């Protein structure tokens, strides 16, 4: 049988199966089975499935893809954090401008009614 041929950039049957596994959440199940201590009985089956998933990929190609994604995510996270930091600084400046520059230490006064001070005034 001849292999399926499609338009350039068209996903192969293998790629479509991998995408379906991802959409269904089966890849998360495989990760769980591979990492769970209680599920060691499935380790060789999971290893075989993973080796079949990566059968058409070269290790160099996968490593470059992983580094590119990590760098892009790192750059995006850095930009997002910088934006949040700038916003926080702007809010801090706005709050500082809203406050009066000097604090009044005058706390008010109390009058004791019925208790007379010197003269005929109430005690303050």
N, C-alpha and C. Protein backbone atom coordinates (compact mmCIF):
# COMPACT_ATOMS: atom_id res chain seq x y z
N UNK A 1 0.83 -1.18 0.00
CA UNK A 1 0.00 0.00 0.00
C UNK A 1 0.87 1.25 0.00
N UNK A 2 0.46 2.23 -0.79
CA UNK A 2 1.23 3.48 -0.86
C UNK A 2 0.81 4.40 0.28
N UNK A 3 1.77 5.15 0.82
CA UNK A 3 1.44 6.06 1.93
C UNK A 3 0.53 7.19 1.46
N UNK A 4 -0.27 7.71 2.37
CA UNK A 4 -1.15 8.82 2.03
C UNK A 4 -0.32 10.06 1.72
N UNK A 5 -0.65 10.72 0.63
CA UNK A 5 0.06 11.93 0.27
C UNK A 5 -0.93 13.07 0.23
N UNK A 6 -0.55 14.18 0.83
CA UNK A 6 -1.44 15.33 0.86
C UNK A 6 -0.70 16.56 0.38
N UNK A 7 -1.34 17.67 0.50
CA UNK A 7 -0.76 18.94 0.12
C UNK A 7 0.37 19.27 1.10
N UNK A 8 1.36 20.03 0.65
CA UNK A 8 2.45 20.43 1.55
C UNK A 8 1.87 21.11 2.77
N UNK A 9 2.35 20.74 3.95
CA UNK A 9 1.85 21.32 5.18
C UNK A 9 0.63 20.61 5.73
N UNK A 10 0.06 19.67 4.95
CA UNK A 10 -1.09 18.91 5.41
C UNK A 10 -0.63 17.92 6.47
N UNK A 11 -1.41 17.78 7.52
CA UNK A 11 -1.04 16.88 8.60
C UNK A 11 -1.18 15.44 8.15
N UNK A 12 -0.19 14.65 8.52
CA UNK A 12 -0.24 13.22 8.18
C UNK A 12 -1.24 12.53 9.11
N UNK A 13 -1.53 11.29 8.80
CA UNK A 13 -2.44 10.52 9.64
C UNK A 13 -1.85 10.39 11.04
N UNK A 14 -0.55 10.20 11.12
CA UNK A 14 0.14 10.09 12.41
C UNK A 14 -0.06 11.37 13.22
N UNK A 15 0.13 12.52 12.57
CA UNK A 15 -0.04 13.81 13.25
C UNK A 15 -1.49 14.01 13.70
N UNK A 16 -2.44 13.60 12.88
CA UNK A 16 -3.84 13.74 13.25
C UNK A 16 -4.20 12.85 14.44
N UNK A 17 -3.62 11.65 14.48
CA UNK A 17 -3.87 10.76 15.62
C UNK A 17 -3.27 11.37 16.90
N UNK A 18 -2.06 11.93 16.79
CA UNK A 18 -1.45 12.58 17.95
C UNK A 18 -2.29 13.76 18.42
N UNK A 19 -2.83 14.52 17.48
CA UNK A 19 -3.67 15.66 17.85
C UNK A 19 -4.94 15.18 18.54
N UNK A 20 -5.52 14.11 18.04
CA UNK A 20 -6.74 13.56 18.66
C UNK A 20 -6.44 13.07 20.08
N UNK A 21 -5.27 12.45 20.28
CA UNK A 21 -4.87 12.02 21.62
C UNK A 21 -4.76 13.22 22.56
N UNK A 22 -4.18 14.29 22.04
CA UNK A 22 -4.01 15.50 22.85
C UNK A 22 -5.36 16.12 23.20
N UNK A 23 -6.24 16.25 22.22
CA UNK A 23 -7.56 16.86 22.44
C UNK A 23 -8.38 16.03 23.44
N UNK A 24 -8.27 14.73 23.37
CA UNK A 24 -9.07 13.88 24.25
C UNK A 24 -8.50 13.81 25.67
N UNK A 25 -7.28 14.29 25.87
CA UNK A 25 -6.68 14.23 27.20
C UNK A 25 -5.93 12.95 27.46
N UNK A 26 -5.79 12.13 26.44
CA UNK A 26 -5.09 10.85 26.60
C UNK A 26 -3.61 11.08 26.93
N UNK A 27 -3.02 12.17 26.43
CA UNK A 27 -1.61 12.44 26.73
C UNK A 27 -1.42 12.70 28.23
N UNK A 28 -2.39 13.35 28.87
CA UNK A 28 -2.31 13.56 30.32
C UNK A 28 -2.40 12.23 31.07
N UNK A 29 -3.23 11.33 30.57
CA UNK A 29 -3.34 10.01 31.18
C UNK A 29 -2.02 9.25 31.05
N UNK A 30 -1.40 9.35 29.90
CA UNK A 30 -0.10 8.68 29.70
C UNK A 30 0.96 9.27 30.63
N UNK A 31 0.96 10.59 30.80
CA UNK A 31 1.91 11.21 31.73
C UNK A 31 1.66 10.73 33.15
N UNK A 32 0.40 10.61 33.52
CA UNK A 32 0.07 10.13 34.86
C UNK A 32 0.55 8.69 35.05
N UNK A 33 0.25 7.83 34.06
CA UNK A 33 0.67 6.43 34.17
C UNK A 33 2.18 6.30 34.22
N UNK A 34 2.89 7.17 33.51
CA UNK A 34 4.35 7.10 33.49
C UNK A 34 4.96 7.56 34.80
N UNK A 35 4.29 8.48 35.50
CA UNK A 35 4.89 9.05 36.70
C UNK A 35 4.34 8.49 38.01
N UNK A 36 3.21 7.80 37.99
CA UNK A 36 2.61 7.29 39.22
C UNK A 36 3.32 6.02 39.70
N UNK A 37 3.72 6.05 40.95
CA UNK A 37 4.43 4.91 41.53
C UNK A 37 3.54 3.66 41.55
N UNK A 38 2.24 3.85 41.80
CA UNK A 38 1.33 2.71 41.90
C UNK A 38 1.00 2.10 40.54
N UNK A 39 1.34 2.78 39.47
CA UNK A 39 0.99 2.29 38.12
C UNK A 39 2.22 1.79 37.36
N UNK A 40 3.20 1.25 38.05
CA UNK A 40 4.43 0.79 37.40
C UNK A 40 4.19 -0.37 36.44
N UNK A 41 3.10 -1.09 36.62
CA UNK A 41 2.81 -2.23 35.75
C UNK A 41 2.61 -1.81 34.30
N UNK A 42 2.26 -0.52 34.09
CA UNK A 42 2.00 -0.02 32.74
C UNK A 42 3.21 0.69 32.13
N UNK A 43 4.32 0.73 32.83
CA UNK A 43 5.47 1.53 32.40
C UNK A 43 5.97 1.14 31.00
N UNK A 44 6.10 -0.14 30.72
CA UNK A 44 6.61 -0.56 29.40
C UNK A 44 5.60 -0.25 28.29
N UNK A 45 4.33 -0.37 28.58
CA UNK A 45 3.31 -0.03 27.59
C UNK A 45 3.35 1.47 27.27
N UNK A 46 3.46 2.27 28.32
CA UNK A 46 3.53 3.73 28.12
C UNK A 46 4.79 4.09 27.34
N UNK A 47 5.90 3.46 27.68
CA UNK A 47 7.16 3.72 26.98
C UNK A 47 7.03 3.38 25.49
N UNK A 48 6.38 2.28 25.18
CA UNK A 48 6.19 1.91 23.78
C UNK A 48 5.30 2.92 23.05
N UNK A 49 4.23 3.34 23.71
CA UNK A 49 3.33 4.33 23.09
C UNK A 49 4.08 5.62 22.83
N UNK A 50 4.87 6.07 23.80
CA UNK A 50 5.62 7.32 23.62
C UNK A 50 6.65 7.19 22.52
N UNK A 51 7.31 6.04 22.44
CA UNK A 51 8.29 5.86 21.37
C UNK A 51 7.62 5.87 20.00
N UNK A 52 6.40 5.33 19.91
CA UNK A 52 5.66 5.39 18.65
C UNK A 52 5.17 6.81 18.34
N UNK A 53 4.86 7.58 19.38
CA UNK A 53 4.43 8.96 19.17
C UNK A 53 5.55 9.80 18.54
N UNK A 54 6.79 9.52 18.94
CA UNK A 54 7.93 10.30 18.45
C UNK A 54 8.72 9.60 17.35
N UNK A 55 8.13 8.62 16.70
CA UNK A 55 8.88 7.80 15.74
C UNK A 55 9.41 8.60 14.55
N UNK A 56 8.72 9.61 14.09
CA UNK A 56 9.16 10.36 12.92
C UNK A 56 9.99 11.60 13.27
N UNK A 57 10.28 11.80 14.55
CA UNK A 57 10.99 13.00 14.97
C UNK A 57 12.44 12.68 15.28
N UNK A 58 13.31 13.62 14.95
CA UNK A 58 14.71 13.46 15.34
C UNK A 58 14.93 14.15 16.68
N UNK A 59 15.80 13.62 17.52
CA UNK A 59 16.04 14.23 18.84
C UNK A 59 16.51 15.69 18.73
N UNK A 60 17.33 15.98 17.71
CA UNK A 60 17.84 17.35 17.54
C UNK A 60 16.68 18.31 17.25
N UNK A 61 15.75 17.87 16.41
CA UNK A 61 14.61 18.70 16.05
C UNK A 61 13.72 18.97 17.27
N UNK A 62 13.48 17.95 18.08
CA UNK A 62 12.68 18.11 19.28
C UNK A 62 13.35 19.04 20.29
N UNK A 63 14.67 18.92 20.43
CA UNK A 63 15.40 19.76 21.37
C UNK A 63 15.34 21.22 20.96
N UNK A 64 15.49 21.49 19.66
CA UNK A 64 15.43 22.87 19.17
C UNK A 64 14.03 23.44 19.37
N UNK A 65 13.01 22.64 19.10
CA UNK A 65 11.63 23.10 19.29
C UNK A 65 11.37 23.44 20.75
N UNK A 66 11.83 22.59 21.65
CA UNK A 66 11.62 22.84 23.07
C UNK A 66 12.32 24.10 23.54
N UNK A 67 13.52 24.36 23.05
CA UNK A 67 14.25 25.56 23.45
C UNK A 67 13.57 26.80 22.89
N UNK A 68 13.08 26.72 21.68
CA UNK A 68 12.42 27.88 21.07
C UNK A 68 11.14 28.23 21.82
N UNK A 69 10.38 27.23 22.19
CA UNK A 69 9.14 27.48 22.93
C UNK A 69 9.45 28.03 24.32
N UNK A 70 10.47 27.48 24.98
CA UNK A 70 10.83 27.96 26.31
C UNK A 70 11.29 29.40 26.25
N UNK A 71 12.08 29.76 25.25
CA UNK A 71 12.55 31.14 25.11
C UNK A 71 11.40 32.08 24.81
N UNK A 72 10.47 31.64 23.96
CA UNK A 72 9.33 32.49 23.63
C UNK A 72 8.45 32.69 24.86
N UNK A 73 8.21 31.60 25.61
CA UNK A 73 7.40 31.72 26.83
C UNK A 73 8.08 32.59 27.86
N UNK A 74 9.41 32.45 27.97
CA UNK A 74 10.16 33.27 28.93
C UNK A 74 10.07 34.75 28.55
N UNK A 75 10.23 35.04 27.26
CA UNK A 75 10.13 36.42 26.80
C UNK A 75 8.75 37.00 27.05
N UNK A 76 7.72 36.21 26.80
CA UNK A 76 6.35 36.65 27.03
C UNK A 76 6.10 36.90 28.51
N UNK A 77 6.57 35.98 29.37
CA UNK A 77 6.41 36.16 30.81
C UNK A 77 7.14 37.39 31.30
N UNK A 78 8.33 37.64 30.77
CA UNK A 78 9.11 38.81 31.16
C UNK A 78 8.38 40.09 30.78
N UNK A 79 7.85 40.13 29.57
CA UNK A 79 7.10 41.32 29.13
C UNK A 79 5.86 41.54 30.01
N UNK A 80 5.16 40.46 30.32
CA UNK A 80 3.96 40.55 31.14
C UNK A 80 4.30 41.07 32.54
N UNK A 81 5.38 40.54 33.13
CA UNK A 81 5.79 40.99 34.46
C UNK A 81 6.21 42.46 34.44
N UNK A 82 6.92 42.87 33.40
CA UNK A 82 7.34 44.26 33.29
C UNK A 82 6.13 45.18 33.18
N UNK A 83 5.12 44.78 32.41
CA UNK A 83 3.91 45.57 32.29
C UNK A 83 3.20 45.70 33.64
N UNK A 84 3.10 44.60 34.37
CA UNK A 84 2.49 44.63 35.69
C UNK A 84 3.27 45.52 36.66
N UNK A 85 4.60 45.45 36.58
CA UNK A 85 5.44 46.27 37.46
C UNK A 85 5.25 47.76 37.16
N UNK A 86 5.19 48.11 35.87
CA UNK A 86 4.99 49.50 35.49
C UNK A 86 3.63 50.00 35.97
N UNK A 87 2.61 49.17 35.84
CA UNK A 87 1.27 49.54 36.29
C UNK A 87 1.25 49.75 37.80
N UNK A 88 1.93 48.86 38.54
CA UNK A 88 1.97 48.97 39.99
C UNK A 88 2.70 50.25 40.41
N UNK A 89 3.80 50.57 39.74
CA UNK A 89 4.52 51.81 40.05
C UNK A 89 3.66 53.04 39.77
N UNK A 90 2.92 53.02 38.68
CA UNK A 90 2.04 54.15 38.35
C UNK A 90 0.95 54.32 39.40
N UNK A 91 0.37 53.21 39.87
CA UNK A 91 -0.65 53.28 40.91
C UNK A 91 -0.05 53.81 42.21
N UNK A 92 1.17 53.40 42.52
CA UNK A 92 1.84 53.86 43.74
C UNK A 92 2.09 55.36 43.68
N UNK A 93 2.53 55.86 42.52
CA UNK A 93 2.75 57.30 42.35
C UNK A 93 1.43 58.07 42.48
N UNK A 94 0.36 57.52 41.89
CA UNK A 94 -0.94 58.19 41.96
C UNK A 94 -1.43 58.27 43.41
N UNK A 95 -1.24 57.21 44.18
CA UNK A 95 -1.64 57.23 45.60
C UNK A 95 -0.81 58.23 46.38
N UNK A 96 0.48 58.33 46.07
CA UNK A 96 1.35 59.27 46.78
C UNK A 96 0.93 60.71 46.48
N UNK A 97 0.48 60.99 45.28
CA UNK A 97 0.06 62.34 44.94
C UNK A 97 -1.28 62.70 45.57
N UNK A 98 -2.11 61.72 45.84
CA UNK A 98 -3.41 61.99 46.44
C UNK A 98 -3.30 62.31 47.92
N UNK A 99 -2.29 61.82 48.60
CA UNK A 99 -2.12 62.07 50.03
C UNK A 99 -1.58 63.47 50.26
N UNK A 100 -1.98 64.11 51.35
CA UNK A 100 -1.35 65.39 51.67
C UNK A 100 0.12 65.16 52.01
N UNK A 101 0.95 66.16 51.75
CA UNK A 101 2.38 65.97 51.92
C UNK A 101 2.78 65.97 53.40
N UNK A 102 2.03 66.67 54.26
CA UNK A 102 2.36 66.70 55.68
C UNK A 102 1.24 66.06 56.47
N UNK A 103 1.63 65.38 57.51
CA UNK A 103 0.64 64.76 58.39
C UNK A 103 0.36 65.69 59.55
N UNK A 104 -0.92 65.94 59.81
CA UNK A 104 -1.29 66.77 60.94
C UNK A 104 -1.25 65.93 62.20
N UNK A 105 -0.48 66.38 63.16
CA UNK A 105 -0.37 65.64 64.41
C UNK A 105 -1.42 66.10 65.42
N UNK A 106 -2.21 67.07 65.03
CA UNK A 106 -3.25 67.55 65.94
C UNK A 106 -4.37 66.52 65.97
N UNK A 107 -4.59 65.95 67.13
CA UNK A 107 -5.58 64.87 67.24
C UNK A 107 -6.94 65.35 67.69
N UNK A 108 -7.12 66.66 67.94
CA UNK A 108 -8.40 67.16 68.40
C UNK A 108 -8.33 67.51 69.87
N UNK A 109 -9.44 67.86 70.46
CA UNK A 109 -9.46 68.19 71.89
C UNK A 109 -10.71 67.62 72.53
N UNK A 110 -10.65 67.45 73.84
CA UNK A 110 -11.77 66.91 74.59
C UNK A 110 -12.19 67.93 75.65
N UNK A 111 -13.45 68.05 75.85
CA UNK A 111 -13.98 68.97 76.86
C UNK A 111 -14.72 68.15 77.91
N UNK A 112 -14.37 68.35 79.17
CA UNK A 112 -15.07 67.69 80.26
C UNK A 112 -16.15 68.64 80.76
N UNK A 113 -17.37 68.32 80.46
CA UNK A 113 -18.46 69.19 80.88
C UNK A 113 -18.78 68.94 82.35
N UNK A 114 -19.08 70.00 83.00
CA UNK A 114 -19.45 69.88 84.41
C UNK A 114 -18.26 70.02 85.33
N UNK A 115 -17.06 69.97 84.82
CA UNK A 115 -15.86 70.13 85.64
C UNK A 115 -15.24 71.47 85.25
N UNK A 116 -15.17 72.39 86.16
CA UNK A 116 -14.73 73.73 85.85
C UNK A 116 -13.22 73.86 86.02
N UNK A 117 -12.61 74.56 85.07
CA UNK A 117 -11.21 74.87 85.16
C UNK A 117 -11.06 76.24 85.82
N UNK A 118 -9.88 76.85 85.76
CA UNK A 118 -9.68 78.18 86.31
C UNK A 118 -10.56 79.14 85.51
N UNK A 119 -11.24 79.95 86.13
CA UNK A 119 -12.22 80.78 85.48
C UNK A 119 -13.51 79.99 85.41
N UNK A 120 -14.40 80.43 84.63
CA UNK A 120 -15.69 79.72 84.54
C UNK A 120 -15.78 78.87 83.27
N UNK A 121 -14.68 78.38 82.79
CA UNK A 121 -14.68 77.55 81.56
C UNK A 121 -14.63 76.06 81.91
N UNK A 122 -15.06 75.24 80.92
CA UNK A 122 -14.96 73.77 81.10
C UNK A 122 -13.49 73.35 80.92
N UNK A 123 -13.15 72.19 81.48
CA UNK A 123 -11.78 71.66 81.37
C UNK A 123 -11.57 71.14 79.95
N UNK A 124 -10.46 71.55 79.37
CA UNK A 124 -10.11 71.11 78.01
C UNK A 124 -9.03 70.06 78.13
